[in-house]
Amino acid sequence: MAKQLTMLMVLISFSIGVLGQPATSFPAMKGVVSDYAGRLDEAQIKELSGLLKDYERQTTRQIPVIILEPTG
């Protein structure tokens, strides 16, 4: 039992350390679909946003879509 408790404490400590790291910053979301690379036209963004919002209403799960330019 003590060994399991020790492992749990180690995992919690590790999780706190990882979660405490600064997140990669993203620009502010434009909506459900945020196309910062300009890959989608307005009709595609509207259609995809509608599908994602319908899915959220049916399941209560959110799926954001963020399109960024590749770096590197």
Protein backbone atom coordinates (compact mmCIF):
# COMPACT_ATOMS: atom_id res chain seq x y z
CA MET A 1 0.00 0.00 0.00
CA ALA A 2 2.82 2.42 0.86
CA LYS A 3 4.50 1.72 -2.48
CA GLN A 4 1.27 2.53 -4.35
CA LEU A 5 0.83 5.75 -2.38
CA THR A 6 4.41 6.75 -3.14
CA MET A 7 3.89 6.11 -6.87
CA LEU A 8 0.67 8.14 -6.78
CA MET A 9 2.48 11.06 -5.13
CA VAL A 10 5.27 10.89 -7.72
CA LEU A 11 2.75 10.92 -10.57
CA ILE A 12 0.86 13.85 -9.04
CA SER A 13 4.10 15.78 -8.55
CA PHE A 14 5.15 15.10 -12.14
CA SER A 15 1.72 16.13 -13.46
CA ILE A 16 1.84 19.40 -11.55
CA GLY A 17 5.30 20.10 -12.96
CA VAL A 18 4.21 19.40 -16.52
CA LEU A 19 0.96 21.33 -16.20
CA GLY A 20 2.78 24.25 -14.62
CA GLN A 21 4.88 24.80 -17.75
CA PRO A 22 3.92 27.79 -19.86
CA ALA A 23 1.63 26.83 -22.71
CA THR A 24 2.40 27.60 -26.30
CA SER A 25 0.60 30.83 -27.01
CA PHE A 26 -1.99 31.00 -29.75
CA PRO A 27 -3.78 34.04 -31.10
CA ALA A 28 -7.29 34.65 -29.78
CA MET A 29 -9.86 32.26 -31.22
CA LYS A 30 -12.02 33.69 -33.98
CA GLY A 31 -14.77 31.16 -33.32
CA VAL A 32 -15.17 27.39 -33.52
CA VAL A 33 -12.99 27.52 -36.64
CA SER A 34 -9.94 29.80 -36.52
CA ASP A 35 -8.09 29.82 -39.85
CA TYR A 36 -4.96 31.95 -39.35
CA ALA A 37 -3.33 30.50 -42.48
CA GLY A 38 -6.11 31.59 -44.82
CA ARG A 39 -6.61 28.06 -46.19
CA LEU A 40 -10.42 28.06 -45.98
CA ASP A 41 -12.86 30.43 -47.66
CA GLU A 42 -15.80 31.93 -45.77
CA ALA A 43 -18.25 29.31 -47.06
CA GLN A 44 -16.01 26.48 -45.82
CA ILE A 45 -15.57 28.12 -42.42
CA LYS A 46 -19.32 28.64 -42.11
CA GLU A 47 -20.12 25.04 -43.11
CA LEU A 48 -17.49 23.53 -40.81
CA SER A 49 -18.57 25.79 -37.94
CA GLY A 50 -22.17 24.67 -38.41
CA LEU A 51 -21.20 21.00 -38.35
CA LEU A 52 -19.09 21.46 -35.22
CA LYS A 53 -21.85 23.41 -33.43
CA ASP A 54 -24.42 20.73 -34.34
CA TYR A 55 -22.09 18.07 -32.98
CA GLU A 56 -21.65 20.06 -29.76
CA ARG A 57 -25.44 20.40 -29.32
CA GLN A 58 -25.88 16.65 -29.79
CA THR A 59 -22.98 15.48 -27.61
CA THR A 60 -21.94 18.44 -25.39
CA ARG A 61 -18.39 17.91 -26.71
CA GLN A 62 -16.52 20.81 -28.28
CA ILE A 63 -14.05 20.41 -31.13
CA PRO A 64 -12.22 23.60 -32.04
CA VAL A 65 -10.37 23.77 -35.36
CA ILE A 66 -7.26 25.95 -35.53
CA ILE A 67 -5.30 26.23 -38.75
CA LEU A 68 -1.85 27.79 -38.48
CA GLU A 69 0.97 28.41 -40.94
CA PRO A 70 3.77 25.88 -40.50
CA THR A 71 6.91 27.19 -38.86
CA GLY A 72 10.34 25.93 -39.15
